[in-house]
C-alpha atoms as a PDB file:
ATOM      1  CA  TYR A   1       0.000   0.000   0.000  1.00  0.00           C
ATOM      2  CA  PHE A   2       1.016   3.560  -0.627  1.00  0.00           C
ATOM      3  CA  PHE A   3      -0.400   6.006   1.874  1.00  0.00           C
ATOM      4  CA  TYR A   4       0.186   9.700   2.083  1.00  0.00           C
ATOM      5  CA  LYS A   5       0.764  11.774   5.165  1.00  0.00           C
ATOM      6  CA  ASP A   6      -2.501  13.718   4.998  1.00  0.00           C
ATOM      7  CA  MET A   7      -4.792  10.924   3.761  1.00  0.00           C
ATOM      8  CA  ALA A   8      -8.168  10.792   5.432  1.00  0.00           C
ATOM      9  CA  PRO A   9      -8.851   7.609   7.417  1.00  0.00           C
ATOM     10  CA  GLU A  10     -11.737   6.886   5.046  1.00  0.00           C
ATOM     11  CA  GLU A  11      -9.329   6.883   2.072  1.00  0.00           C
ATOM     12  CA  VAL A  12      -7.001   4.489   3.875  1.00  0.00           C
ATOM     13  CA  CYS A  13      -9.904   2.163   4.647  1.00  0.00           C
ATOM     14  CA  GLN A  14     -11.179   2.340   1.072  1.00  0.00           C
ATOM     15  CA  LYS A  15      -7.754   1.361  -0.238  1.00  0.00           C
ATOM     16  CA  ILE A  16      -7.602  -1.633   2.102  1.00  0.00           C
ATOM     17  CA  TYR A  17     -11.153  -2.733   1.295  1.00  0.00           C
ATOM     18  CA  LEU A  18     -10.569  -2.393  -2.450  1.00  0.00           C
ATOM     19  CA  ASN A  19      -7.465  -4.578  -2.222  1.00  0.00           C
ATOM     20  CA  PHE A  20      -9.399  -7.143  -0.175  1.00  0.00           C
ATOM     21  CA  ASP A  21     -12.285  -7.148  -2.657  1.00  0.00           C
ATOM     22  CA  ASN A  22      -9.846  -7.684  -5.539  1.00  0.00           C
ATOM     23  CA  LYS A  23      -8.256 -10.688  -3.814  1.00  0.00           C
ATOM     24  CA  MET A  24     -11.443 -12.341  -2.593  1.00  0.00           C
ATOM     25  CA  THR A  25     -12.421 -13.876  -5.898  1.00  0.00           C
ATOM     26  CA  ASP A  26     -15.638 -15.709  -6.714  1.00  0.00           C
ATOM     27  CA  GLU A  27     -13.655 -18.955  -6.473  1.00  0.00           C
ATOM     28  CA  ARG A  28     -12.595 -18.127  -2.908  1.00  0.00           C
ATOM     29  CA  TYR A  29     -16.167 -17.221  -1.947  1.00  0.00           C
ATOM     30  CA  ALA A  30     -17.383 -20.511  -3.464  1.00  0.00           C
ATOM     31  CA  LYS A  31     -14.823 -22.485  -1.423  1.00  0.00           C
ATOM     32  CA  MET A  32     -15.844 -20.545   1.668  1.00  0.00           C
ATOM     33  CA  GLU A  33     -19.498 -21.460   1.127  1.00  0.00           C
ATOM     34  CA  ALA A  34     -18.643 -25.106   0.422  1.00  0.00           C
ATOM     35  CA  LEU A  35     -16.799 -25.229   3.759  1.00  0.00           C
ATOM     36  CA  ASN A  36     -19.783 -23.614   5.476  1.00  0.00           C
ATOM     37  CA  LEU A  37     -17.748 -20.631   6.653  1.00  0.00           C
ATOM     38  CA  SER A  38     -18.940 -17.059   6.925  1.00  0.00           C
ATOM     39  CA  LEU A  39     -16.549 -14.332   5.796  1.00  0.00           C
ATOM     40  CA  ASP A  40     -15.964 -13.380   9.454  1.00  0.00           C
ATOM     41  CA  GLU A  41     -15.150 -16.994  10.332  1.00  0.00           C
ATOM     42  CA  LEU A  42     -12.787 -17.320   7.373  1.00  0.00           C
ATOM     43  CA  ILE A  43     -10.848 -14.185   8.273  1.00  0.00           C
ATOM     44  CA  THR A  44     -10.755 -15.131  11.961  1.00  0.00           C
ATOM     45  CA  PHE A  45      -9.569 -18.669  11.151  1.00  0.00           C
ATOM     46  CA  ALA A  46      -6.969 -17.338   8.693  1.00  0.00           C
ATOM     47  CA  SER A  47      -5.713 -14.824  11.268  1.00  0.00           C
ATOM     48  CA  ILE A  48      -4.965 -17.659  13.701  1.00  0.00           C
ATOM     49  CA  VAL A  49      -3.172 -19.617  10.966  1.00  0.00           C
ATOM     50  CA  GLN A  50      -1.227 -16.481   9.990  1.00  0.00           C
ATOM     51  CA  ALA A  51      -0.086 -15.951  13.573  1.00  0.00           C
ATOM     52  CA  GLU A  52       0.803 -19.628  14.091  1.00  0.00           C
ATOM     53  CA  ALA A  53       2.622 -20.559  10.893  1.00  0.00           C
ATOM     54  CA  PRO A  54       6.140 -19.203  10.630  1.00  0.00           C
ATOM     55  CA  ARG A  55       6.435 -20.251   6.988  1.00  0.00           C
ATOM     56  CA  PHE A  56       4.049 -20.364   4.048  1.00  0.00           C
ATOM     57  CA  GLU A  57       4.878 -24.050   3.614  1.00  0.00           C
ATOM     58  CA  ASP A  58       3.368 -24.793   7.036  1.00  0.00           C
ATOM     59  CA  MET A  59       0.148 -22.799   6.752  1.00  0.00           C
ATOM     60  CA  GLN A  60      -1.933 -25.523   5.084  1.00  0.00           C
ATOM     61  CA  MET A  61      -0.865 -28.132   7.638  1.00  0.00           C
ATOM     62  CA  VAL A  62      -1.500 -25.766  10.560  1.00  0.00           C
ATOM     63  CA  ALA A  63      -4.953 -25.061   9.106  1.00  0.00           C
ATOM     64  CA  SER A  64      -5.445 -28.820   8.761  1.00  0.00           C
ATOM     65  CA  VAL A  65      -4.729 -29.345  12.465  1.00  0.00           C
ATOM     66  CA  PHE A  66      -7.277 -26.676  13.356  1.00  0.00           C
ATOM     67  CA  TRP A  67      -9.833 -28.119  10.925  1.00  0.00           C
ATOM     68  CA  ASN A  68      -9.321 -31.519  12.588  1.00  0.00           C
ATOM     69  CA  ARG A  69      -9.849 -30.015  16.033  1.00  0.00           C
ATOM     70  CA  LEU A  70     -12.930 -28.068  14.943  1.00  0.00           C
ATOM     71  CA  ASN A  71     -14.394 -31.181  13.328  1.00  0.00           C
ATOM     72  CA  ASN A  72     -13.636 -33.326  16.400  1.00  0.00           C
ATOM     73  CA  SER A  73     -14.590 -30.882  19.132  1.00  0.00           C
ATOM     74  CA  ASP A  74     -15.884 -33.640  21.405  1.00  0.00           C
ATOM     75  CA  VAL A  75     -12.279 -34.900  21.785  1.00  0.00           C
ATOM     76  CA  TYR A  76     -10.455 -31.610  21.090  1.00  0.00           C
ATOM     77  CA  PRO A  77     -12.725 -28.848  22.419  1.00  0.00           C
ATOM     78  CA  TYR A  78     -10.033 -26.153  22.304  1.00  0.00           C
ATOM     79  CA  LEU A  79      -7.849 -24.975  19.429  1.00  0.00           C
ATOM     80  CA  GLN A  80      -5.050 -24.310  21.937  1.00  0.00           C
ATOM     81  CA  SER A  81      -3.394 -21.629  19.850  1.00  0.00           C
ATOM     82  CA  ASP A  82      -0.624 -19.697  21.600  1.00  0.00           C
ATOM     83  CA  PRO A  83      -1.188 -16.523  19.539  1.00  0.00           C
ATOM     84  CA  THR A  84      -4.822 -16.330  20.668  1.00  0.00           C
ATOM     85  CA  ALA A  85      -3.782 -16.465  24.322  1.00  0.00           C
ATOM     86  CA  LYS A  86      -1.085 -13.859  23.678  1.00  0.00           C
ATOM     87  CA  TYR A  87      -3.583 -11.645  21.868  1.00  0.00           C
ATOM     88  CA  ALA A  88      -6.024 -11.923  24.772  1.00  0.00           C
ATOM     89  CA  ASN A  89      -3.445 -11.161  27.433  1.00  0.00           C
ATOM     90  CA  ASN A  90      -0.979  -8.871  25.649  1.00  0.00           C
ATOM     91  CA  VAL A  91      -3.218  -6.872  23.316  1.00  0.00           C
ATOM     92  CA  ILE A  92      -6.774  -6.862  24.636  1.00  0.00           C
ATOM     93  CA  LYS A  93      -6.186  -6.954  28.401  1.00  0.00           C
ATOM     94  CA  PRO A  94      -3.752  -3.997  28.645  1.00  0.00           C
ATOM     95  CA  ASN A  95      -6.050  -1.848  26.505  1.00  0.00           C
ATOM     96  CA  MET A  96      -9.263  -2.447  28.439  1.00  0.00           C
ATOM     97  CA  PRO A  97     -10.500   0.603  30.313  1.00  0.00           C
ATOM     98  CA  ILE A  98     -12.416  -1.795  32.578  1.00  0.00           C
ATOM     99  CA  TYR A  99     -11.254  -5.382  32.932  1.00  0.00           C
ATOM    100  CA  ASP A 100     -13.699  -7.883  31.465  1.00  0.00           C
ATOM    101  CA  ALA A 101     -12.769 -11.528  32.054  1.00  0.00           C
ATOM    102  CA  ALA A 102     -15.365 -12.749  29.550  1.00  0.00           C
ATOM    103  CA  THR A 103     -13.690 -10.838  26.720  1.00  0.00           C
ATOM    104  CA  ILE A 104     -10.258 -12.187  27.644  1.00  0.00           C
ATOM    105  CA  GLU A 105     -11.621 -15.730  27.812  1.00  0.00           C
ATOM    106  CA  ALA A 106     -13.384 -15.311  24.461  1.00  0.00           C
ATOM    107  CA  TYR A 107     -10.010 -14.866  22.754  1.00  0.00           C
ATOM    108  CA  ASP A 108      -8.038 -17.438  24.770  1.00  0.00           C
ATOM    109  CA  THR A 109      -8.434 -20.767  22.997  1.00  0.00           C
ATOM    110  CA  TYR A 110      -6.647 -22.567  25.830  1.00  0.00           C
ATOM    111  CA  LYS A 111      -9.137 -21.719  28.560  1.00  0.00           C
ATOM    112  CA  GLY A 112     -12.411 -20.103  27.776  1.00  0.00           C
ATOM    113  CA  ARG A 113     -13.006 -20.320  24.070  1.00  0.00           C
ATOM    114  CA  ARG A 114     -14.093 -23.418  22.225  1.00  0.00           C
ATOM    115  CA  GLY A 115     -13.702 -23.126  18.481  1.00  0.00           C
ATOM    116  CA  LEU A 116     -12.706 -19.913  16.754  1.00  0.00           C
ATOM    117  CA  THR A 117     -12.267 -16.609  18.553  1.00  0.00           C
ATOM    118  CA  PRO A 118     -15.056 -14.028  18.112  1.00  0.00           C
ATOM    119  CA  GLY A 119     -12.884 -12.025  15.729  1.00  0.00           C
ATOM    120  CA  PRO A 120      -9.479 -11.945  14.023  1.00  0.00           C
ATOM    121  CA  ILE A 121      -6.278 -11.663  16.061  1.00  0.00           C
ATOM    122  CA  CYS A 122      -4.297 -10.121  13.183  1.00  0.00           C
ATOM    123  CA  ASN A 123      -4.667  -9.169   9.547  1.00  0.00           C
ATOM    124  CA  PRO A 124      -4.225 -12.415   7.601  1.00  0.00           C
ATOM    125  CA  GLY A 125      -2.558 -12.522   4.222  1.00  0.00           C
ATOM    126  CA  ILE A 126      -4.016 -14.242   1.206  1.00  0.00           C
ATOM    127  CA  ASP A 127      -1.742 -17.267   1.786  1.00  0.00           C
ATOM    128  CA  ALA A 128      -3.351 -17.885   5.189  1.00  0.00           C
ATOM    129  CA  ILE A 129      -6.818 -17.417   3.711  1.00  0.00           C
ATOM    130  CA  ASP A 130      -6.017 -19.899   0.952  1.00  0.00           C
ATOM    131  CA  ALA A 131      -4.553 -22.344   3.496  1.00  0.00           C
ATOM    132  CA  VAL A 132      -7.865 -22.383   5.370  1.00  0.00           C
ATOM    133  CA  LEU A 133      -9.842 -22.699   2.142  1.00  0.00           C
ATOM    134  CA  ALA A 134      -7.658 -25.591   0.962  1.00  0.00           C
ATOM    135  CA  ALA A 135      -8.865 -27.663   3.938  1.00  0.00           C
ATOM    136  CA  ILE A 136      -6.081 -30.178   3.330  1.00  0.00           C
ATOM    137  CA  PRO A 137      -6.979 -33.524   4.905  1.00  0.00           C
ATOM    138  CA  SER A 138      -4.533 -34.937   7.439  1.00  0.00           C
ATOM    139  CA  GLU A 139      -4.547 -37.043  10.557  1.00  0.00           C
ATOM    140  CA  ASN A 140      -2.610 -34.451  12.574  1.00  0.00           C
ATOM    141  CA  PHE A 141      -4.061 -32.933  15.707  1.00  0.00           C
ATOM    142  CA  TYR A 142      -0.907 -31.300  17.079  1.00  0.00           C
ATOM    143  CA  PHE A 143       2.002 -29.160  15.986  1.00  0.00           C
ATOM    144  CA  TYR A 144       4.987 -27.580  17.645  1.00  0.00           C
ATOM    145  CA  ALA A 145       7.403 -25.097  16.100  1.00  0.00           C
ATOM    146  CA  ASN A 146      11.038 -24.366  16.720  1.00  0.00           C
ATOM    147  CA  ILE A 147      10.915 -20.575  16.788  1.00  0.00           C
ATOM    148  CA  ASP A 148      14.643 -20.271  16.001  1.00  0.00           C
ATOM    149  CA  THR A 149      14.735 -22.570  12.962  1.00  0.00           C
ATOM    150  CA  ARG A 150      11.143 -21.791  11.899  1.00  0.00           C
ATOM    151  CA  VAL A 151      10.473 -25.492  11.384  1.00  0.00           C
ATOM    152  CA  THR A 152       7.102 -26.857  12.479  1.00  0.00           C
ATOM    153  CA  TYR A 153       6.638 -30.488  13.496  1.00  0.00           C
ATOM    154  CA  PHE A 154       3.242 -32.149  13.168  1.00  0.00           C
ATOM    155  CA  ALA A 155       1.857 -35.105  15.120  1.00  0.00           C
ATOM    156  CA  LYS A 156      -1.164 -37.390  15.074  1.00  0.00           C
ATOM    157  CA  THR A 157      -1.039 -38.370  18.751  1.00  0.00           C
ATOM    158  CA  LEU A 158      -0.267 -36.659  22.035  1.00  0.00           C
ATOM    159  CA  ASP A 159       2.675 -39.027  22.553  1.00  0.00           C
ATOM    160  CA  ASP A 160       4.152 -37.999  19.191  1.00  0.00           C
ATOM    161  CA  HIS A 161       3.483 -34.351  20.039  1.00  0.00           C
ATOM    162  CA  ASN A 162       5.272 -34.684  23.378  1.00  0.00           C
ATOM    163  CA  ALA A 163       8.216 -36.303  21.570  1.00  0.00           C
ATOM    164  CA  ASN A 164       8.300 -33.308  19.188  1.00  0.00           C
ATOM    165  CA  ILE A 165       8.291 -30.901  22.142  1.00  0.00           C
ATOM    166  CA  ALA A 166      11.197 -32.791  23.747  1.00  0.00           C
ATOM    167  CA  MET A 167      13.070 -32.772  20.431  1.00  0.00           C
ATOM    168  CA  VAL A 168      12.610 -29.013  19.967  1.00  0.00           C
ATOM    169  CA  LYS A 169      13.686 -28.324  23.558  1.00  0.00           C
ATOM    170  CA  GLN A 170      16.809 -30.392  22.882  1.00  0.00           C
ATOM    171  CA  GLN A 171      17.388 -28.374  19.703  1.00  0.00           C
ATOM    172  CA  TYR A 172      17.207 -25.165  21.764  1.00  0.00           C
ATOM    173  CA  LYS A 173      19.641 -26.613  24.317  1.00  0.00           C
ATOM    174  CA  ASP A 174      22.053 -27.765  21.595  1.00  0.00           C
ATOM    175  CA  ALA A 175      21.907 -24.356  19.894  1.00  0.00           C
ATOM    176  CA  GLU A 176      22.574 -22.585  23.199  1.00  0.00           C
ATOM    177  CA  GLU A 177      25.555 -24.846  23.923  1.00  0.00           C
ATOM    178  CA  ALA A 178      26.911 -24.312  20.404  1.00  0.00           C
ATOM    179  CA  ALA A 179      26.590 -20.540  20.811  1.00  0.00           C
ATOM    180  CA  LYS A 180      28.436 -20.666  24.147  1.00  0.00           C
ATOM    181  CA  LYS A 181      31.156 -22.820  22.604  1.00  0.00           C
ATOM    182  CA  ALA A 182      31.501 -20.435  19.647  1.00  0.00           C
ATOM    183  CA  GLU A 183      31.713 -17.472  22.023  1.00  0.00           C
ATOM    184  CA  ALA A 184      34.388 -19.234  24.103  1.00  0.00           C
ATOM    185  CA  GLU A 185      36.357 -20.033  20.923  1.00  0.00           C
ATOM    186  CA  LYS A 186      36.049 -16.423  19.827  1.00  0.00           C
ATOM    187  CA  LYS A 187      37.372 -15.169  23.180  1.00  0.00           C
ATOM    188  CA  LYS A 188      40.177 -17.733  23.095  1.00  0.00           C
ATOM    189  CA  GLY A 189      41.187 -16.580  19.600  1.00  0.00           C
ATOM    190  CA  ALA A 190      41.155 -12.929  20.650  1.00  0.00           C
ATOM    191  CA  ASN A 191      43.724 -13.580  23.411  1.00  0.00           C
END
């Protein structure tokens, strides 16, 4: 987007809406309807995928995990998305003139909210929207990402998920030890 210093807020909004309208093609609306999603639900769902997936390559699989949880809510009642909890506690809560626990819980998919949040947690890109609309089938119900390497690991079972968590924690530990060793070598070489 190109915005100018003295643009009216209405002009900024019109530019954003026009871009959105150009990207939301009839094909995307047809997929949305076939998946029984409203536009609000699509954008909310895509915002969670956008916030969760560190790489485009992972977005469809992250969406797949959430589709699986939404479609099996008797076993997986919560999406358990870290970005929703962070949004509730780090964005909404500090900006509330009067604290409202129900609003916080509505955006925290670990505690209070079953299914999607009542609204988006960020502005999703078209890749996240398309990832939701792709509704790629999988048997995965879990994922865990290494924030440093930006690699996401997917799992069908809780045991596999816990193994992925242990593996990523070991990766963090190994990286920290390697960094310390490199720093020690650097200091040794400087002397």
